[in-house]
Amino acid sequence: MRLFRSARGWAILFGLLGSVAALAVPFMPVEHQSTTLEWPTAQGTRAVSAPLVAYSPLSLDLRVPCATARGLDARSAGPAALLSTNPPESPYGDLTGLRLDVHDGQLRLIVRGQQLGAGNLPPGACTIAVRSDGNETSAVVGNERIAEVTGDSRPQLTGIYSQLDSAVDDVRGVAFTAEVDNRYDTSPTGLKVGVIALALLGCAGSLIALRRMTSPRPTVPGH
């Protein structure tokens, strides 16, 4: 009888321990792996296809020397894309993505179907800088801000496309980076692994205790 009561107590204890640990598993922290896309790549300014899970990156930054933009403008008959986050030939590319182009000395920034800004491409040494995150999208040419929109205007990013050609244009100083939203690419922390192990041990301990409770008790000869 004493053994029966002890096994029952252990079954309850292990069962509660395993249940609490199992319920806590979804709330345990995980390690989030961050990924950054960078362009130009080792292959130069060739287009890069990079569809994202969430389609919009956490943030993106673009820097283009004004001299590079002037060179592309000089050899292009029409508007030339310094960078686009969707294929230029896509009929819906400008409606969801970002495109920065240059034509006749004019820069134009289009994000999600809206022209956020335009400005003259100044002579001399300067840099075109574009940034977009969950709080703001902005563009600066030298010391002049040509676009600034507060709020989340992050574009869709299915790739990196540009009419810049590293074989023809001087692309030194051209840099594009995007922090990828890969929220589903995670790995469990040590704490989460420990809680999972505790849940499994609690379940196993409860089953062993229940087995001892249901095992037939030995009989004493002569009784």
N, C-alpha and C. Protein backbone atom coordinates (compact mmCIF):
# COMPACT_ATOMS: atom_id res chain seq x y z
N MET A 1 0.83 -1.20 0.00
CA MET A 1 0.00 0.00 0.00
C MET A 1 0.87 1.26 0.00
N ARG A 2 1.96 1.22 0.73
CA ARG A 2 2.86 2.35 0.79
C ARG A 2 3.50 2.60 -0.57
N LEU A 3 3.88 1.49 -1.26
CA LEU A 3 4.46 1.60 -2.59
C LEU A 3 3.46 2.19 -3.57
N PHE A 4 2.18 1.78 -3.46
CA PHE A 4 1.13 2.29 -4.33
C PHE A 4 0.96 3.79 -4.16
N ARG A 5 0.95 4.25 -2.92
CA ARG A 5 0.80 5.67 -2.66
C ARG A 5 2.01 6.45 -3.15
N SER A 6 3.18 5.92 -3.00
CA SER A 6 4.40 6.58 -3.47
C SER A 6 4.40 6.69 -4.98
N ALA A 7 4.05 5.61 -5.69
CA ALA A 7 3.99 5.65 -7.14
C ALA A 7 2.95 6.63 -7.64
N ARG A 8 1.85 6.69 -6.96
CA ARG A 8 0.80 7.63 -7.35
C ARG A 8 1.28 9.08 -7.20
N GLY A 9 1.97 9.33 -6.10
CA GLY A 9 2.50 10.69 -5.88
C GLY A 9 3.52 11.09 -6.93
N TRP A 10 4.40 10.14 -7.26
CA TRP A 10 5.40 10.43 -8.30
C TRP A 10 4.75 10.63 -9.65
N ALA A 11 3.69 9.88 -9.95
CA ALA A 11 2.99 10.03 -11.23
C ALA A 11 2.38 11.42 -11.34
N ILE A 12 1.78 11.87 -10.25
CA ILE A 12 1.18 13.22 -10.25
C ILE A 12 2.25 14.29 -10.41
N LEU A 13 3.35 14.13 -9.64
CA LEU A 13 4.43 15.12 -9.68
C LEU A 13 5.05 15.21 -11.07
N PHE A 14 5.42 14.05 -11.64
CA PHE A 14 6.02 14.07 -12.97
C PHE A 14 5.04 14.55 -14.04
N GLY A 15 3.75 14.17 -13.88
CA GLY A 15 2.75 14.61 -14.84
C GLY A 15 2.59 16.12 -14.85
N LEU A 16 2.53 16.73 -13.65
CA LEU A 16 2.43 18.19 -13.56
C LEU A 16 3.67 18.86 -14.12
N LEU A 17 4.83 18.32 -13.79
CA LEU A 17 6.09 18.89 -14.27
C LEU A 17 6.15 18.85 -15.80
N GLY A 18 5.81 17.70 -16.37
CA GLY A 18 5.85 17.58 -17.83
C GLY A 18 4.83 18.47 -18.51
N SER A 19 3.64 18.59 -17.92
CA SER A 19 2.58 19.42 -18.53
C SER A 19 2.97 20.89 -18.52
N VAL A 20 3.47 21.37 -17.38
CA VAL A 20 3.87 22.78 -17.28
C VAL A 20 5.01 23.08 -18.26
N ALA A 21 5.99 22.18 -18.32
CA ALA A 21 7.11 22.39 -19.23
C ALA A 21 6.65 22.39 -20.69
N ALA A 22 5.74 21.47 -21.04
CA ALA A 22 5.24 21.40 -22.42
C ALA A 22 4.47 22.66 -22.80
N LEU A 23 3.68 23.20 -21.86
CA LEU A 23 2.94 24.42 -22.13
C LEU A 23 3.86 25.63 -22.27
N ALA A 24 5.02 25.57 -21.62
CA ALA A 24 5.95 26.70 -21.65
C ALA A 24 6.82 26.72 -22.90
N VAL A 25 6.92 25.58 -23.61
CA VAL A 25 7.82 25.49 -24.76
C VAL A 25 7.56 26.57 -25.81
N PRO A 26 6.30 26.82 -26.24
CA PRO A 26 6.09 27.82 -27.30
C PRO A 26 6.51 29.23 -26.89
N PHE A 27 6.62 29.48 -25.59
CA PHE A 27 6.95 30.83 -25.13
C PHE A 27 8.43 31.00 -24.84
N MET A 28 9.21 29.97 -25.03
CA MET A 28 10.64 30.06 -24.80
C MET A 28 11.33 30.82 -25.94
N PRO A 29 12.39 31.56 -25.64
CA PRO A 29 13.06 32.36 -26.69
C PRO A 29 13.79 31.50 -27.70
N VAL A 30 13.95 32.05 -28.90
CA VAL A 30 14.69 31.39 -29.97
C VAL A 30 15.75 32.37 -30.49
N GLU A 31 16.73 31.83 -31.18
CA GLU A 31 17.78 32.66 -31.78
C GLU A 31 17.38 33.00 -33.22
N HIS A 32 17.34 34.29 -33.50
CA HIS A 32 16.93 34.76 -34.82
C HIS A 32 18.17 35.02 -35.67
N GLN A 33 18.25 34.34 -36.82
CA GLN A 33 19.39 34.49 -37.70
C GLN A 33 19.14 35.65 -38.66
N SER A 34 19.98 36.68 -38.59
CA SER A 34 19.83 37.82 -39.48
C SER A 34 20.69 37.64 -40.73
N THR A 35 20.17 38.09 -41.86
CA THR A 35 20.86 37.97 -43.14
C THR A 35 20.86 39.31 -43.84
N THR A 36 21.96 39.65 -44.44
CA THR A 36 22.07 40.91 -45.16
C THR A 36 22.44 40.65 -46.61
N LEU A 37 21.64 41.20 -47.53
CA LEU A 37 21.96 41.14 -48.95
C LEU A 37 22.87 42.30 -49.31
N GLU A 38 23.88 42.03 -50.10
CA GLU A 38 24.80 43.08 -50.52
C GLU A 38 24.98 43.04 -52.03
N TRP A 39 25.04 44.21 -52.62
CA TRP A 39 25.21 44.35 -54.06
C TRP A 39 25.99 45.62 -54.32
N PRO A 40 26.88 45.70 -55.31
CA PRO A 40 27.27 44.69 -56.27
C PRO A 40 27.90 43.45 -55.62
N THR A 41 27.83 42.35 -56.34
CA THR A 41 28.38 41.09 -55.87
C THR A 41 29.74 40.85 -56.51
N ALA A 42 30.27 39.66 -56.27
CA ALA A 42 31.54 39.29 -56.90
C ALA A 42 31.42 39.25 -58.42
N GLN A 43 30.19 39.08 -58.93
CA GLN A 43 29.94 39.08 -60.38
C GLN A 43 29.65 40.48 -60.90
N GLY A 44 29.86 41.49 -60.09
CA GLY A 44 29.64 42.86 -60.52
C GLY A 44 28.21 43.31 -60.35
N THR A 45 27.70 44.01 -61.35
CA THR A 45 26.36 44.61 -61.25
C THR A 45 25.29 43.77 -61.92
N ARG A 46 25.58 42.51 -62.15
CA ARG A 46 24.57 41.63 -62.74
C ARG A 46 23.36 41.54 -61.82
N ALA A 47 22.18 41.35 -62.43
CA ALA A 47 20.94 41.27 -61.65
C ALA A 47 20.99 40.09 -60.70
N VAL A 48 20.41 40.29 -59.53
CA VAL A 48 20.36 39.25 -58.51
C VAL A 48 18.90 38.99 -58.17
N SER A 49 18.46 37.76 -58.31
CA SER A 49 17.10 37.38 -57.93
C SER A 49 17.13 36.93 -56.48
N ALA A 50 16.35 37.61 -55.64
CA ALA A 50 16.38 37.30 -54.21
C ALA A 50 15.00 37.52 -53.60
N PRO A 51 14.01 36.70 -53.97
CA PRO A 51 12.67 36.86 -53.36
C PRO A 51 12.72 36.56 -51.87
N LEU A 52 12.10 37.42 -51.08
CA LEU A 52 12.12 37.29 -49.63
C LEU A 52 10.84 36.67 -49.11
N VAL A 53 10.95 36.03 -47.94
CA VAL A 53 9.77 35.39 -47.34
C VAL A 53 8.68 36.43 -47.08
N ALA A 54 9.07 37.57 -46.54
CA ALA A 54 8.09 38.61 -46.21
C ALA A 54 8.00 39.67 -47.29
N TYR A 55 8.75 39.51 -48.41
CA TYR A 55 8.75 40.40 -49.57
C TYR A 55 9.35 41.77 -49.29
N SER A 56 9.16 42.33 -48.11
CA SER A 56 9.76 43.62 -47.78
C SER A 56 10.89 43.40 -46.78
N PRO A 57 12.06 43.98 -47.03
CA PRO A 57 13.17 43.83 -46.08
C PRO A 57 12.92 44.66 -44.83
N LEU A 58 13.66 44.36 -43.77
CA LEU A 58 13.57 45.16 -42.57
C LEU A 58 14.07 46.58 -42.84
N SER A 59 15.11 46.68 -43.64
CA SER A 59 15.63 47.99 -44.03
C SER A 59 16.47 47.81 -45.29
N LEU A 60 16.64 48.90 -46.02
CA LEU A 60 17.53 48.89 -47.17
C LEU A 60 18.24 50.23 -47.27
N ASP A 61 19.47 50.17 -47.77
CA ASP A 61 20.29 51.36 -47.95
C ASP A 61 20.96 51.29 -49.31
N LEU A 62 20.97 52.43 -50.00
CA LEU A 62 21.61 52.53 -51.31
C LEU A 62 22.48 53.78 -51.35
N ARG A 63 23.69 53.62 -51.85
CA ARG A 63 24.60 54.76 -52.04
C ARG A 63 25.19 54.67 -53.44
N VAL A 64 25.06 55.77 -54.18
CA VAL A 64 25.59 55.85 -55.55
C VAL A 64 26.33 57.17 -55.70
N PRO A 65 27.59 57.13 -56.10
CA PRO A 65 28.29 58.39 -56.38
C PRO A 65 27.61 59.14 -57.52
N CYS A 66 27.55 60.45 -57.42
CA CYS A 66 26.91 61.26 -58.46
C CYS A 66 27.61 61.07 -59.80
N ALA A 67 28.93 60.89 -59.78
CA ALA A 67 29.66 60.69 -61.03
C ALA A 67 29.20 59.43 -61.75
N THR A 68 28.89 58.39 -61.00
CA THR A 68 28.39 57.14 -61.60
C THR A 68 27.03 57.38 -62.23
N ALA A 69 26.18 58.12 -61.55
CA ALA A 69 24.85 58.42 -62.10
C ALA A 69 24.97 59.28 -63.35
N ARG A 70 25.89 60.24 -63.35
CA ARG A 70 26.07 61.07 -64.54
C ARG A 70 26.57 60.24 -65.73
N GLY A 71 27.44 59.28 -65.46
CA GLY A 71 27.94 58.42 -66.53
C GLY A 71 26.84 57.58 -67.15
N LEU A 72 25.97 57.01 -66.31
CA LEU A 72 24.85 56.22 -66.82
C LEU A 72 23.89 57.10 -67.60
N ASP A 73 23.64 58.30 -67.12
CA ASP A 73 22.73 59.22 -67.79
C ASP A 73 23.27 59.60 -69.17
N ALA A 74 24.58 59.82 -69.26
CA ALA A 74 25.18 60.26 -70.52
C ALA A 74 25.09 59.19 -71.60
N ARG A 75 25.12 57.93 -71.23
CA ARG A 75 25.09 56.88 -72.25
C ARG A 75 23.70 56.26 -72.44
N SER A 76 22.67 56.85 -71.83
CA SER A 76 21.31 56.30 -71.92
C SER A 76 20.41 57.26 -72.68
N ALA A 77 19.61 56.72 -73.59
CA ALA A 77 18.70 57.55 -74.38
C ALA A 77 17.48 57.99 -73.58
N GLY A 78 17.04 57.14 -72.65
CA GLY A 78 15.86 57.46 -71.86
C GLY A 78 16.15 57.31 -70.38
N PRO A 79 15.12 57.28 -69.55
CA PRO A 79 15.32 57.08 -68.11
C PRO A 79 16.06 55.76 -67.86
N ALA A 80 17.09 55.81 -67.04
CA ALA A 80 17.92 54.63 -66.75
C ALA A 80 17.85 54.33 -65.25
N ALA A 81 17.64 53.06 -64.96
CA ALA A 81 17.48 52.65 -63.56
C ALA A 81 18.85 52.49 -62.90
N LEU A 82 19.08 53.33 -61.88
CA LEU A 82 20.26 53.12 -61.04
C LEU A 82 20.06 51.89 -60.18
N LEU A 83 18.84 51.70 -59.73
CA LEU A 83 18.51 50.48 -58.99
C LEU A 83 17.00 50.30 -58.96
N SER A 84 16.58 49.04 -59.06
CA SER A 84 15.17 48.67 -58.94
C SER A 84 15.09 47.39 -58.13
N THR A 85 14.09 47.29 -57.25
CA THR A 85 13.94 46.10 -56.42
C THR A 85 13.00 45.07 -57.02
N ASN A 86 12.45 45.37 -58.19
CA ASN A 86 11.64 44.43 -58.97
C ASN A 86 12.15 44.44 -60.40
N PRO A 87 11.91 43.39 -61.17
CA PRO A 87 12.36 43.39 -62.57
C PRO A 87 11.80 44.59 -63.32
N PRO A 88 12.64 45.34 -64.01
CA PRO A 88 12.15 46.53 -64.74
C PRO A 88 11.07 46.21 -65.76
N GLU A 89 11.11 45.00 -66.33
CA GLU A 89 10.11 44.65 -67.36
C GLU A 89 8.78 44.23 -66.76
N SER A 90 8.71 44.08 -65.43
CA SER A 90 7.47 43.66 -64.79
C SER A 90 6.44 44.79 -64.86
N PRO A 91 5.21 44.49 -65.31
CA PRO A 91 4.19 45.55 -65.40
C PRO A 91 3.76 46.09 -64.04
N TYR A 92 3.99 45.31 -62.99
CA TYR A 92 3.59 45.75 -61.65
C TYR A 92 4.80 46.07 -60.77
N GLY A 93 6.00 46.11 -61.38
CA GLY A 93 7.21 46.33 -60.59
C GLY A 93 7.19 47.64 -59.82
N ASP A 94 6.82 48.73 -60.51
CA ASP A 94 6.82 50.03 -59.85
C ASP A 94 5.70 50.17 -58.84
N LEU A 95 4.65 49.37 -58.98
CA LEU A 95 3.51 49.49 -58.06
C LEU A 95 3.83 48.94 -56.68
N THR A 96 4.81 48.05 -56.59
CA THR A 96 5.13 47.44 -55.30
C THR A 96 6.58 47.64 -54.87
N GLY A 97 7.45 47.95 -55.82
CA GLY A 97 8.87 48.02 -55.51
C GLY A 97 9.40 49.44 -55.40
N LEU A 98 10.73 49.53 -55.45
CA LEU A 98 11.44 50.82 -55.41
C LEU A 98 12.27 50.94 -56.69
N ARG A 99 12.27 52.13 -57.26
CA ARG A 99 13.12 52.38 -58.43
C ARG A 99 13.69 53.78 -58.34
N LEU A 100 15.00 53.86 -58.50
CA LEU A 100 15.69 55.14 -58.57
C LEU A 100 16.27 55.25 -59.97
N ASP A 101 15.82 56.26 -60.74
CA ASP A 101 16.33 56.40 -62.09
C ASP A 101 16.85 57.80 -62.34
N VAL A 102 17.55 57.93 -63.45
CA VAL A 102 18.13 59.22 -63.83
C VAL A 102 17.85 59.45 -65.31
N HIS A 103 17.55 60.73 -65.64
CA HIS A 103 17.26 61.09 -67.03
C HIS A 103 17.46 62.59 -67.21
N ASP A 104 18.33 62.94 -68.16
CA ASP A 104 18.61 64.35 -68.46
C ASP A 104 18.96 65.14 -67.20
N GLY A 105 19.81 64.56 -66.37
CA GLY A 105 20.27 65.28 -65.19
C GLY A 105 19.27 65.33 -64.05
N GLN A 106 18.18 64.57 -64.16
CA GLN A 106 17.15 64.56 -63.12
C GLN A 106 17.09 63.18 -62.47
N LEU A 107 17.05 63.17 -61.16
CA LEU A 107 16.86 61.94 -60.40
C LEU A 107 15.40 61.82 -60.01
N ARG A 108 14.91 60.59 -59.98
CA ARG A 108 13.52 60.36 -59.59
C ARG A 108 13.45 59.08 -58.75
N LEU A 109 12.75 59.19 -57.61
CA LEU A 109 12.57 58.04 -56.72
C LEU A 109 11.11 57.65 -56.69
N ILE A 110 10.83 56.41 -57.08
CA ILE A 110 9.46 55.87 -57.08
C ILE A 110 9.42 54.71 -56.11
N VAL A 111 8.47 54.73 -55.19
CA VAL A 111 8.29 53.67 -54.21
C VAL A 111 6.82 53.29 -54.15
N ARG A 112 6.54 52.03 -54.40
CA ARG A 112 5.18 51.49 -54.30
C ARG A 112 4.19 52.32 -55.10
N GLY A 113 4.58 52.62 -56.34
CA GLY A 113 3.68 53.30 -57.26
C GLY A 113 3.59 54.80 -57.11
N GLN A 114 4.33 55.39 -56.18
CA GLN A 114 4.27 56.83 -55.97
C GLN A 114 5.65 57.44 -56.14
N GLN A 115 5.69 58.60 -56.79
CA GLN A 115 6.94 59.33 -56.89
C GLN A 115 7.15 60.09 -55.59
N LEU A 116 8.13 59.64 -54.81
CA LEU A 116 8.37 60.26 -53.51
C LEU A 116 9.23 61.50 -53.60
N GLY A 117 9.99 61.61 -54.69
CA GLY A 117 10.85 62.78 -54.80
C GLY A 117 11.58 62.82 -56.12
N ALA A 118 12.07 64.02 -56.47
CA ALA A 118 12.85 64.22 -57.68
C ALA A 118 13.77 65.40 -57.43
N GLY A 119 14.89 65.40 -58.13
CA GLY A 119 15.82 66.50 -57.93
C GLY A 119 16.90 66.49 -58.99
N ASN A 120 17.60 67.63 -59.09
CA ASN A 120 18.68 67.75 -60.06
C ASN A 120 19.90 66.97 -59.59
N LEU A 121 20.59 66.41 -60.54
CA LEU A 121 21.85 65.74 -60.27
C LEU A 121 22.95 66.80 -60.34
N PRO A 122 23.52 67.18 -59.20
CA PRO A 122 24.46 68.30 -59.20
C PRO A 122 25.82 67.92 -59.78
N PRO A 123 26.57 68.90 -60.24
CA PRO A 123 27.92 68.62 -60.72
C PRO A 123 28.87 68.42 -59.54
N GLY A 124 30.04 67.92 -59.84
CA GLY A 124 31.03 67.75 -58.79
C GLY A 124 30.84 66.47 -58.00
N ALA A 125 31.67 66.33 -56.98
CA ALA A 125 31.65 65.12 -56.16
C ALA A 125 30.50 65.18 -55.16
N CYS A 126 29.66 64.16 -55.16
CA CYS A 126 28.57 64.05 -54.21
C CYS A 126 28.09 62.60 -54.20
N THR A 127 27.17 62.31 -53.31
CA THR A 127 26.65 60.94 -53.17
C THR A 127 25.13 60.98 -53.09
N ILE A 128 24.51 60.02 -53.77
CA ILE A 128 23.06 59.82 -53.67
C ILE A 128 22.84 58.74 -52.62
N ALA A 129 22.04 59.03 -51.62
CA ALA A 129 21.79 58.08 -50.53
C ALA A 129 20.29 57.88 -50.36
N VAL A 130 19.86 56.63 -50.41
CA VAL A 130 18.45 56.27 -50.21
C VAL A 130 18.37 55.28 -49.06
N ARG A 131 17.42 55.50 -48.17
CA ARG A 131 17.20 54.57 -47.06
C ARG A 131 15.70 54.38 -46.84
N SER A 132 15.33 53.14 -46.54
CA SER A 132 13.93 52.83 -46.25
C SER A 132 13.87 51.79 -45.14
N ASP A 133 13.08 52.09 -44.11
CA ASP A 133 12.84 51.13 -43.04
C ASP A 133 11.40 51.27 -42.58
N GLY A 134 11.08 50.68 -41.45
CA GLY A 134 9.70 50.72 -40.97
C GLY A 134 9.24 52.07 -40.48
N ASN A 135 10.17 53.02 -40.33
CA ASN A 135 9.82 54.34 -39.80
C ASN A 135 9.84 55.45 -40.84
N GLU A 136 10.69 55.28 -41.88
CA GLU A 136 10.86 56.40 -42.81
C GLU A 136 11.50 55.91 -44.11
N THR A 137 11.19 56.61 -45.18
CA THR A 137 11.87 56.42 -46.45
C THR A 137 12.37 57.78 -46.90
N SER A 138 13.66 57.87 -47.22
CA SER A 138 14.24 59.17 -47.56
C SER A 138 15.29 59.02 -48.65
N ALA A 139 15.57 60.14 -49.30
CA ALA A 139 16.61 60.19 -50.33
C ALA A 139 17.32 61.53 -50.23
N VAL A 140 18.64 61.49 -50.28
CA VAL A 140 19.47 62.69 -50.17
C VAL A 140 20.46 62.69 -51.32
N VAL A 141 20.61 63.85 -51.97
CA VAL A 141 21.60 64.02 -53.03
C VAL A 141 22.55 65.11 -52.57
N GLY A 142 23.76 64.72 -52.25
CA GLY A 142 24.70 65.69 -51.70
C GLY A 142 24.18 66.21 -50.38
N ASN A 143 23.91 67.51 -50.32
CA ASN A 143 23.37 68.13 -49.11
C ASN A 143 21.87 68.41 -49.22
N GLU A 144 21.26 67.98 -50.32
CA GLU A 144 19.84 68.28 -50.55
C GLU A 144 18.99 67.02 -50.36
N ARG A 145 17.97 67.14 -49.51
CA ARG A 145 17.03 66.04 -49.31
C ARG A 145 15.91 66.17 -50.33
N ILE A 146 15.78 65.16 -51.19
CA ILE A 146 14.77 65.24 -52.26
C ILE A 146 13.53 64.41 -51.93
N ALA A 147 13.60 63.60 -50.90
CA ALA A 147 12.42 62.79 -50.52
C ALA A 147 12.50 62.46 -49.04
N GLU A 148 11.35 62.52 -48.39
CA GLU A 148 11.26 62.13 -46.98
C GLU A 148 9.80 61.84 -46.66
N VAL A 149 9.52 60.58 -46.39
CA VAL A 149 8.16 60.15 -46.08
C VAL A 149 8.20 59.34 -44.79
N THR A 150 7.44 59.78 -43.80
CA THR A 150 7.41 59.05 -42.54
C THR A 150 6.42 57.89 -42.65
N GLY A 151 6.62 56.90 -41.79
CA GLY A 151 5.76 55.72 -41.82
C GLY A 151 6.43 54.59 -42.59
N ASP A 152 5.75 53.48 -42.66
CA ASP A 152 6.29 52.28 -43.30
C ASP A 152 5.98 52.30 -44.80
N SER A 153 6.98 52.64 -45.60
CA SER A 153 6.84 52.63 -47.06
C SER A 153 7.85 51.67 -47.68
N ARG A 154 8.26 50.68 -46.94
CA ARG A 154 9.26 49.74 -47.46
C ARG A 154 8.74 49.05 -48.72
N PRO A 155 9.58 48.95 -49.73
CA PRO A 155 9.14 48.35 -51.00
C PRO A 155 9.25 46.83 -50.97
N GLN A 156 8.61 46.23 -51.94
CA GLN A 156 8.80 44.80 -52.18
C GLN A 156 10.19 44.59 -52.75
N LEU A 157 10.83 43.51 -52.33
CA LEU A 157 12.17 43.20 -52.83
C LEU A 157 12.20 41.77 -53.35
N THR A 158 12.16 41.64 -54.66
CA THR A 158 12.26 40.32 -55.28
C THR A 158 13.61 40.12 -55.95
N GLY A 159 14.42 41.16 -55.98
CA GLY A 159 15.74 41.08 -56.57
C GLY A 159 16.39 42.45 -56.61
N ILE A 160 17.58 42.49 -57.20
CA ILE A 160 18.32 43.74 -57.33
C ILE A 160 18.65 43.89 -58.81
N TYR A 161 18.13 44.96 -59.43
CA TYR A 161 18.27 45.15 -60.86
C TYR A 161 18.76 46.57 -61.13
N SER A 162 19.68 46.69 -62.08
CA SER A 162 20.24 48.00 -62.38
C SER A 162 20.74 48.02 -63.81
N GLN A 163 20.70 49.21 -64.43
CA GLN A 163 21.29 49.38 -65.75
C GLN A 163 22.75 49.79 -65.67
N LEU A 164 23.26 49.91 -64.48
CA LEU A 164 24.70 50.11 -64.32
C LEU A 164 25.42 48.85 -64.79
N ASP A 165 26.52 49.05 -65.46
CA ASP A 165 27.31 47.94 -65.98
C ASP A 165 28.74 48.12 -65.49
N SER A 166 29.17 47.19 -64.65
CA SER A 166 30.51 47.32 -64.08
C SER A 166 31.60 47.23 -65.14
N ALA A 167 31.26 46.72 -66.33
CA ALA A 167 32.24 46.66 -67.41
C ALA A 167 32.38 48.00 -68.13
N VAL A 168 31.41 48.88 -67.94
CA VAL A 168 31.42 50.17 -68.62
C VAL A 168 31.48 51.33 -67.63
N ASP A 169 30.68 51.24 -66.56
CA ASP A 169 30.57 52.33 -65.59
C ASP A 169 31.57 52.16 -64.45
N ASP A 170 31.95 53.28 -63.88
CA ASP A 170 32.78 53.27 -62.67
C ASP A 170 31.85 53.07 -61.48
N VAL A 171 31.81 51.86 -60.94
CA VAL A 171 30.87 51.54 -59.87
C VAL A 171 31.55 51.54 -58.49
N ARG A 172 32.75 52.11 -58.43
CA ARG A 172 33.38 52.24 -57.12
C ARG A 172 32.55 53.18 -56.24
N GLY A 173 32.23 52.74 -55.08
CA GLY A 173 31.39 53.54 -54.18
C GLY A 173 29.92 53.20 -54.25
N VAL A 174 29.51 52.40 -55.24
CA VAL A 174 28.12 51.95 -55.32
C VAL A 174 27.91 50.83 -54.31
N ALA A 175 26.90 50.97 -53.48
CA ALA A 175 26.65 49.95 -52.44
C ALA A 175 25.17 49.89 -52.12
N PHE A 176 24.65 48.67 -52.12
CA PHE A 176 23.26 48.43 -51.72
C PHE A 176 23.25 47.31 -50.70
N THR A 177 22.59 47.54 -49.58
CA THR A 177 22.44 46.51 -48.55
C THR A 177 20.98 46.45 -48.12
N ALA A 178 20.53 45.25 -47.83
CA ALA A 178 19.16 45.04 -47.36
C ALA A 178 19.19 43.99 -46.25
N GLU A 179 18.60 44.34 -45.13
CA GLU A 179 18.49 43.38 -44.02
C GLU A 179 17.24 42.55 -44.25
N VAL A 180 17.44 41.26 -44.43
CA VAL A 180 16.36 40.36 -44.81
C VAL A 180 15.51 39.99 -43.60
N ASP A 181 14.19 40.01 -43.80
CA ASP A 181 13.26 39.60 -42.75
C ASP A 181 13.05 38.10 -42.85
N ASN A 182 13.95 37.34 -42.22
CA ASN A 182 13.83 35.87 -42.24
C ASN A 182 13.39 35.39 -40.86
N ARG A 183 12.22 35.85 -40.43
CA ARG A 183 11.72 35.58 -39.09
C ARG A 183 11.48 34.09 -38.83
N TYR A 184 11.32 33.31 -39.90
CA TYR A 184 11.05 31.88 -39.71
C TYR A 184 12.33 31.04 -39.69
N ASP A 185 13.47 31.68 -39.93
CA ASP A 185 14.75 30.98 -39.87
C ASP A 185 15.32 31.15 -38.47
N THR A 186 14.91 30.29 -37.57
CA THR A 186 15.31 30.39 -36.17
C THR A 186 15.87 29.06 -35.67
N SER A 187 16.53 29.12 -34.54
CA SER A 187 17.03 27.91 -33.88
C SER A 187 16.76 28.06 -32.39
N PRO A 188 16.48 26.95 -31.68
CA PRO A 188 16.14 27.04 -30.26
C PRO A 188 17.34 27.44 -29.41
N THR A 189 17.07 28.21 -28.37
CA THR A 189 18.12 28.56 -27.41
C THR A 189 18.34 27.39 -26.46
N GLY A 190 19.41 27.48 -25.67
CA GLY A 190 19.67 26.44 -24.68
C GLY A 190 18.54 26.31 -23.68
N LEU A 191 17.92 27.44 -23.33
CA LEU A 191 16.80 27.41 -22.38
C LEU A 191 15.63 26.62 -22.96
N LYS A 192 15.33 26.85 -24.24
CA LYS A 192 14.20 26.14 -24.85
C LYS A 192 14.48 24.65 -24.95
N VAL A 193 15.72 24.28 -25.30
CA VAL A 193 16.09 22.87 -25.37
C VAL A 193 15.95 22.22 -23.99
N GLY A 194 16.36 22.96 -22.95
CA GLY A 194 16.24 22.44 -21.59
C GLY A 194 14.80 22.22 -21.17
N VAL A 195 13.91 23.14 -21.53
CA VAL A 195 12.50 23.00 -21.18
C VAL A 195 11.87 21.83 -21.94
N ILE A 196 12.27 21.64 -23.21
CA ILE A 196 11.77 20.49 -23.98
C ILE A 196 12.21 19.19 -23.32
N ALA A 197 13.49 19.13 -22.90
CA ALA A 197 13.99 17.93 -22.24
C ALA A 197 13.25 17.69 -20.93
N LEU A 198 12.92 18.75 -20.20
CA LEU A 198 12.19 18.62 -18.95
C LEU A 198 10.78 18.08 -19.19
N ALA A 199 10.15 18.54 -20.28
CA ALA A 199 8.82 18.04 -20.61
C ALA A 199 8.86 16.55 -20.94
N LEU A 200 9.89 16.13 -21.68
CA LEU A 200 10.02 14.72 -22.03
C LEU A 200 10.32 13.86 -20.80
N LEU A 201 11.17 14.36 -19.92
CA LEU A 201 11.48 13.63 -18.69
C LEU A 201 10.25 13.51 -17.79
N GLY A 202 9.47 14.59 -17.71
CA GLY A 202 8.26 14.55 -16.91
C GLY A 202 7.27 13.53 -17.44
N CYS A 203 7.13 13.48 -18.77
CA CYS A 203 6.23 12.51 -19.38
C CYS A 203 6.72 11.08 -19.12
N ALA A 204 8.03 10.87 -19.33
CA ALA A 204 8.58 9.53 -19.11
C ALA A 204 8.45 9.10 -17.66
N GLY A 205 8.76 10.02 -16.73
CA GLY A 205 8.65 9.69 -15.31
C GLY A 205 7.23 9.36 -14.91
N SER A 206 6.27 10.11 -15.46
CA SER A 206 4.87 9.85 -15.14
C SER A 206 4.43 8.48 -15.65
N LEU A 207 4.87 8.12 -16.86
CA LEU A 207 4.51 6.81 -17.42
C LEU A 207 5.12 5.67 -16.61
N ILE A 208 6.36 5.84 -16.16
CA ILE A 208 7.00 4.79 -15.34
C ILE A 208 6.26 4.63 -14.01
N ALA A 209 5.89 5.75 -13.41
CA ALA A 209 5.17 5.69 -12.14
C ALA A 209 3.79 5.05 -12.31
N LEU A 210 3.12 5.38 -13.41
CA LEU A 210 1.81 4.77 -13.68
C LEU A 210 1.94 3.26 -13.90
N ARG A 211 3.02 2.87 -14.54
CA ARG A 211 3.24 1.44 -14.77
C ARG A 211 3.42 0.72 -13.43
N ARG A 212 4.13 1.33 -12.52
CA ARG A 212 4.33 0.71 -11.21
C ARG A 212 3.03 0.63 -10.44
N MET A 213 2.16 1.65 -10.64
CA MET A 213 0.86 1.63 -9.96
C MET A 213 -0.02 0.48 -10.45
N THR A 214 0.06 0.21 -11.76
CA THR A 214 -0.82 -0.81 -12.34
C THR A 214 -0.21 -2.21 -12.32
N SER A 215 1.05 -2.31 -11.91
CA SER A 215 1.68 -3.64 -11.82
C SER A 215 1.05 -4.44 -10.70
N PRO A 216 0.81 -5.75 -10.90
CA PRO A 216 0.21 -6.57 -9.81
C PRO A 216 1.15 -6.67 -8.63
N ARG A 217 0.59 -6.51 -7.43
CA ARG A 217 1.40 -6.60 -6.21
C ARG A 217 1.71 -8.06 -5.90
N PRO A 218 2.94 -8.30 -5.48
CA PRO A 218 3.32 -9.70 -5.16
C PRO A 218 2.48 -10.24 -4.00
N THR A 219 2.12 -11.52 -4.09
CA THR A 219 1.35 -12.16 -3.00
C THR A 219 2.29 -12.93 -2.09
N VAL A 220 1.94 -12.93 -0.85
CA VAL A 220 2.73 -13.64 0.16
C VAL A 220 2.21 -15.07 0.27
N PRO A 221 3.08 -16.07 0.13
CA PRO A 221 2.64 -17.45 0.23
C PRO A 221 1.93 -17.74 1.55
N GLY A 222 0.85 -18.51 1.46
CA GLY A 222 0.10 -18.87 2.67
C GLY A 222 -0.99 -17.89 3.01
N HIS A 223 -1.15 -16.80 2.19
CA HIS A 223 -2.22 -15.84 2.47
C HIS A 223 -3.21 -15.82 1.33
